Amino acid sequence: MTVLPILWIAWGVVAAVLLVLLGYRGTLTRYEEDQIFLDQTSSIEAQEQTVIQQKLDKIRPYLVGTLWVIGALTLAILGLYIQDAVQRLM
């Protein structure tokens, strides 16, 4: 078995993980509001926004890592296709 199908499968798995992370981030940010809470009466809303921001901060490294991995896999796949095309031309 060649390495190209393995790379495509890995790319698909990483892309699925990326979509799940983006979907989760989208559901979290749906309830995030851009407000400044100045008084104590709205402390509940401020706490909710803090919790949302903490959850976003937790998934941010995974999201960035997944983006780097999918970029590297894309470059590897493109490199193999280019290498194959150059070999066929010679």
N, C-alpha and C. Protein backbone atom coordinates (compact mmCIF):
# COMPACT_ATOMS: atom_id res chain seq x y z
N MET A 1 0.84 -1.17 0.00
CA MET A 1 0.00 0.00 0.00
C MET A 1 0.89 1.25 0.00
N THR A 2 0.56 2.17 -0.85
CA THR A 2 1.36 3.38 -0.94
C THR A 2 1.00 4.34 0.19
N VAL A 3 1.79 5.38 0.30
CA VAL A 3 1.61 6.32 1.39
C VAL A 3 0.49 7.33 1.10
N LEU A 4 0.16 7.55 -0.15
CA LEU A 4 -0.83 8.55 -0.51
C LEU A 4 -2.23 8.26 0.05
N PRO A 5 -2.75 7.04 -0.06
CA PRO A 5 -4.07 6.79 0.55
C PRO A 5 -4.06 6.97 2.07
N ILE A 6 -2.95 6.64 2.70
CA ILE A 6 -2.85 6.84 4.15
C ILE A 6 -2.90 8.32 4.48
N LEU A 7 -2.22 9.14 3.69
CA LEU A 7 -2.25 10.58 3.90
C LEU A 7 -3.64 11.15 3.69
N TRP A 8 -4.35 10.66 2.67
CA TRP A 8 -5.70 11.13 2.42
C TRP A 8 -6.64 10.76 3.56
N ILE A 9 -6.50 9.56 4.10
CA ILE A 9 -7.33 9.13 5.23
C ILE A 9 -7.02 9.99 6.46
N ALA A 10 -5.73 10.21 6.72
CA ALA A 10 -5.35 11.06 7.85
C ALA A 10 -5.88 12.48 7.67
N TRP A 11 -5.81 12.99 6.44
CA TRP A 11 -6.30 14.33 6.17
C TRP A 11 -7.81 14.40 6.44
N GLY A 12 -8.53 13.37 6.02
CA GLY A 12 -9.98 13.34 6.25
C GLY A 12 -10.33 13.29 7.73
N VAL A 13 -9.58 12.51 8.49
CA VAL A 13 -9.83 12.42 9.93
C VAL A 13 -9.55 13.76 10.60
N VAL A 14 -8.43 14.36 10.25
CA VAL A 14 -8.08 15.66 10.84
C VAL A 14 -9.08 16.73 10.41
N ALA A 15 -9.55 16.68 9.18
CA ALA A 15 -10.54 17.64 8.72
C ALA A 15 -11.86 17.46 9.49
N ALA A 16 -12.24 16.23 9.78
CA ALA A 16 -13.45 15.98 10.56
C ALA A 16 -13.30 16.54 11.98
N VAL A 17 -12.13 16.33 12.58
CA VAL A 17 -11.88 16.89 13.91
C VAL A 17 -11.93 18.41 13.87
N LEU A 18 -11.36 18.99 12.82
CA LEU A 18 -11.38 20.45 12.67
C LEU A 18 -12.81 20.97 12.55
N LEU A 19 -13.64 20.28 11.79
CA LEU A 19 -15.03 20.70 11.65
C LEU A 19 -15.79 20.62 12.97
N VAL A 20 -15.51 19.58 13.74
CA VAL A 20 -16.16 19.44 15.04
C VAL A 20 -15.73 20.57 15.96
N LEU A 21 -14.43 20.88 15.99
CA LEU A 21 -13.94 21.97 16.83
C LEU A 21 -14.52 23.31 16.40
N LEU A 22 -14.59 23.55 15.10
CA LEU A 22 -15.17 24.81 14.61
C LEU A 22 -16.66 24.90 14.94
N GLY A 23 -17.36 23.79 14.84
CA GLY A 23 -18.77 23.78 15.20
C GLY A 23 -18.99 24.04 16.69
N TYR A 24 -18.15 23.44 17.52
CA TYR A 24 -18.24 23.66 18.96
C TYR A 24 -17.93 25.11 19.30
N ARG A 25 -16.91 25.66 18.67
CA ARG A 25 -16.57 27.06 18.90
C ARG A 25 -17.70 27.97 18.44
N GLY A 26 -18.34 27.61 17.35
CA GLY A 26 -19.47 28.40 16.86
C GLY A 26 -20.65 28.39 17.80
N THR A 27 -20.93 27.23 18.41
CA THR A 27 -22.03 27.19 19.36
C THR A 27 -21.70 27.96 20.63
N LEU A 28 -20.44 27.97 21.03
CA LEU A 28 -20.05 28.75 22.20
C LEU A 28 -20.14 30.24 21.94
N THR A 29 -19.66 30.67 20.80
CA THR A 29 -19.62 32.11 20.53
C THR A 29 -20.99 32.67 20.15
N ARG A 30 -21.94 31.79 19.90
CA ARG A 30 -23.28 32.27 19.60
C ARG A 30 -23.85 33.03 20.79
N TYR A 31 -23.49 32.62 21.99
CA TYR A 31 -24.02 33.25 23.20
C TYR A 31 -23.06 34.27 23.81
N GLU A 32 -21.93 34.48 23.19
CA GLU A 32 -20.98 35.45 23.70
C GLU A 32 -21.40 36.84 23.25
N GLU A 33 -21.32 37.78 24.16
CA GLU A 33 -21.72 39.14 23.85
C GLU A 33 -20.55 40.08 24.11
N ASP A 34 -20.48 41.14 23.33
CA ASP A 34 -19.46 42.14 23.51
C ASP A 34 -20.02 43.26 24.39
N GLN A 35 -19.88 43.07 25.68
CA GLN A 35 -20.39 44.04 26.62
C GLN A 35 -19.35 44.29 27.71
N ILE A 36 -19.46 45.43 28.32
CA ILE A 36 -18.67 45.73 29.51
C ILE A 36 -19.65 45.80 30.67
N PHE A 37 -19.38 45.01 31.68
CA PHE A 37 -20.27 44.96 32.84
C PHE A 37 -19.67 45.84 33.93
N LEU A 38 -20.33 46.98 34.19
CA LEU A 38 -19.81 47.96 35.13
C LEU A 38 -20.42 47.85 36.52
N ASP A 39 -21.62 47.34 36.63
CA ASP A 39 -22.25 47.29 37.94
C ASP A 39 -22.40 45.85 38.40
N GLN A 40 -22.74 45.69 39.66
CA GLN A 40 -22.85 44.37 40.26
C GLN A 40 -24.17 43.68 39.88
N THR A 41 -25.14 44.41 39.40
CA THR A 41 -26.43 43.79 39.07
C THR A 41 -26.33 42.84 37.89
N SER A 42 -25.36 43.04 37.06
CA SER A 42 -25.19 42.16 35.91
C SER A 42 -24.02 41.21 36.09
N SER A 43 -23.73 40.86 37.33
CA SER A 43 -22.60 39.98 37.58
C SER A 43 -22.84 38.56 37.06
N ILE A 44 -24.10 38.14 36.99
CA ILE A 44 -24.41 36.81 36.48
C ILE A 44 -24.04 36.72 35.00
N GLU A 45 -24.38 37.76 34.24
CA GLU A 45 -24.02 37.78 32.83
C GLU A 45 -22.50 37.82 32.65
N ALA A 46 -21.84 38.57 33.51
CA ALA A 46 -20.38 38.64 33.43
C ALA A 46 -19.75 37.28 33.72
N GLN A 47 -20.30 36.55 34.69
CA GLN A 47 -19.80 35.22 34.99
C GLN A 47 -20.04 34.27 33.83
N GLU A 48 -21.20 34.37 33.19
CA GLU A 48 -21.49 33.52 32.04
C GLU A 48 -20.51 33.79 30.90
N GLN A 49 -20.21 35.05 30.67
CA GLN A 49 -19.25 35.41 29.62
C GLN A 49 -17.85 34.93 29.97
N THR A 50 -17.50 34.97 31.24
CA THR A 50 -16.19 34.48 31.68
C THR A 50 -16.08 32.98 31.45
N VAL A 51 -17.15 32.25 31.74
CA VAL A 51 -17.15 30.80 31.53
C VAL A 51 -17.01 30.49 30.04
N ILE A 52 -17.72 31.23 29.20
CA ILE A 52 -17.62 31.03 27.74
C ILE A 52 -16.21 31.30 27.28
N GLN A 53 -15.61 32.37 27.77
CA GLN A 53 -14.24 32.70 27.36
C GLN A 53 -13.24 31.65 27.82
N GLN A 54 -13.45 31.09 29.00
CA GLN A 54 -12.57 30.03 29.49
C GLN A 54 -12.68 28.78 28.62
N LYS A 55 -13.89 28.45 28.20
CA LYS A 55 -14.07 27.30 27.31
C LYS A 55 -13.40 27.54 25.96
N LEU A 56 -13.51 28.77 25.46
CA LEU A 56 -12.85 29.10 24.19
C LEU A 56 -11.34 29.03 24.33
N ASP A 57 -10.82 29.47 25.45
CA ASP A 57 -9.38 29.41 25.68
C ASP A 57 -8.89 27.96 25.78
N LYS A 58 -9.74 27.05 26.27
CA LYS A 58 -9.36 25.64 26.37
C LYS A 58 -9.25 24.98 25.00
N ILE A 59 -10.15 25.32 24.07
CA ILE A 59 -10.13 24.64 22.77
C ILE A 59 -9.21 25.32 21.77
N ARG A 60 -8.77 26.56 22.05
CA ARG A 60 -7.93 27.29 21.10
C ARG A 60 -6.64 26.54 20.74
N PRO A 61 -5.89 25.95 21.70
CA PRO A 61 -4.68 25.22 21.30
C PRO A 61 -4.96 24.02 20.40
N TYR A 62 -6.07 23.33 20.67
CA TYR A 62 -6.44 22.19 19.83
C TYR A 62 -6.81 22.64 18.42
N LEU A 63 -7.49 23.75 18.34
CA LEU A 63 -7.88 24.30 17.04
C LEU A 63 -6.66 24.71 16.24
N VAL A 64 -5.73 25.40 16.87
CA VAL A 64 -4.51 25.84 16.18
C VAL A 64 -3.67 24.63 15.79
N GLY A 65 -3.55 23.66 16.68
CA GLY A 65 -2.79 22.45 16.36
C GLY A 65 -3.38 21.68 15.20
N THR A 66 -4.71 21.59 15.18
CA THR A 66 -5.39 20.90 14.09
C THR A 66 -5.17 21.62 12.77
N LEU A 67 -5.19 22.95 12.80
CA LEU A 67 -4.93 23.71 11.58
C LEU A 67 -3.52 23.49 11.07
N TRP A 68 -2.55 23.43 11.98
CA TRP A 68 -1.16 23.16 11.56
C TRP A 68 -1.02 21.76 10.96
N VAL A 69 -1.67 20.79 11.59
CA VAL A 69 -1.57 19.40 11.09
C VAL A 69 -2.23 19.29 9.72
N ILE A 70 -3.40 19.89 9.54
CA ILE A 70 -4.06 19.79 8.24
C ILE A 70 -3.25 20.53 7.17
N GLY A 71 -2.60 21.62 7.54
CA GLY A 71 -1.74 22.32 6.60
C GLY A 71 -0.54 21.48 6.20
N ALA A 72 0.08 20.81 7.18
CA ALA A 72 1.23 19.95 6.88
C ALA A 72 0.82 18.77 6.01
N LEU A 73 -0.32 18.17 6.31
CA LEU A 73 -0.79 17.04 5.50
C LEU A 73 -1.11 17.49 4.07
N THR A 74 -1.69 18.67 3.94
CA THR A 74 -1.99 19.19 2.60
C THR A 74 -0.70 19.41 1.81
N LEU A 75 0.30 19.98 2.46
CA LEU A 75 1.59 20.18 1.78
C LEU A 75 2.24 18.86 1.41
N ALA A 76 2.13 17.86 2.28
CA ALA A 76 2.71 16.55 1.98
C ALA A 76 2.00 15.90 0.79
N ILE A 77 0.68 15.99 0.75
CA ILE A 77 -0.08 15.41 -0.36
C ILE A 77 0.27 16.13 -1.66
N LEU A 78 0.30 17.45 -1.62
CA LEU A 78 0.67 18.21 -2.81
C LEU A 78 2.09 17.88 -3.26
N GLY A 79 2.99 17.75 -2.30
CA GLY A 79 4.36 17.39 -2.64
C GLY A 79 4.47 16.05 -3.34
N LEU A 80 3.69 15.08 -2.88
CA LEU A 80 3.71 13.76 -3.52
C LEU A 80 3.14 13.82 -4.93
N TYR A 81 2.07 14.59 -5.12
CA TYR A 81 1.51 14.73 -6.46
C TYR A 81 2.50 15.44 -7.40
N ILE A 82 3.17 16.47 -6.90
CA ILE A 82 4.15 17.19 -7.72
C ILE A 82 5.33 16.28 -8.04
N GLN A 83 5.79 15.51 -7.05
CA GLN A 83 6.90 14.58 -7.29
C GLN A 83 6.51 13.54 -8.33
N ASP A 84 5.30 13.03 -8.27
CA ASP A 84 4.83 12.05 -9.24
C ASP A 84 4.74 12.68 -10.64
N ALA A 85 4.26 13.92 -10.72
CA ALA A 85 4.15 14.58 -12.02
C ALA A 85 5.52 14.84 -12.62
N VAL A 86 6.49 15.21 -11.81
CA VAL A 86 7.85 15.46 -12.32
C VAL A 86 8.46 14.16 -12.80
N GLN A 87 8.25 13.07 -12.07
CA GLN A 87 8.81 11.77 -12.49
C GLN A 87 8.18 11.29 -13.80
N ARG A 88 6.91 11.56 -13.99
CA ARG A 88 6.25 11.14 -15.23
C ARG A 88 6.72 11.96 -16.44
N LEU A 89 7.09 13.22 -16.17
CA LEU A 89 7.56 14.06 -17.26
C LEU A 89 8.97 13.70 -17.69
N MET A 90 9.75 13.13 -16.83
CA MET A 90 11.13 12.80 -17.19
C MET A 90 11.27 11.44 -17.74
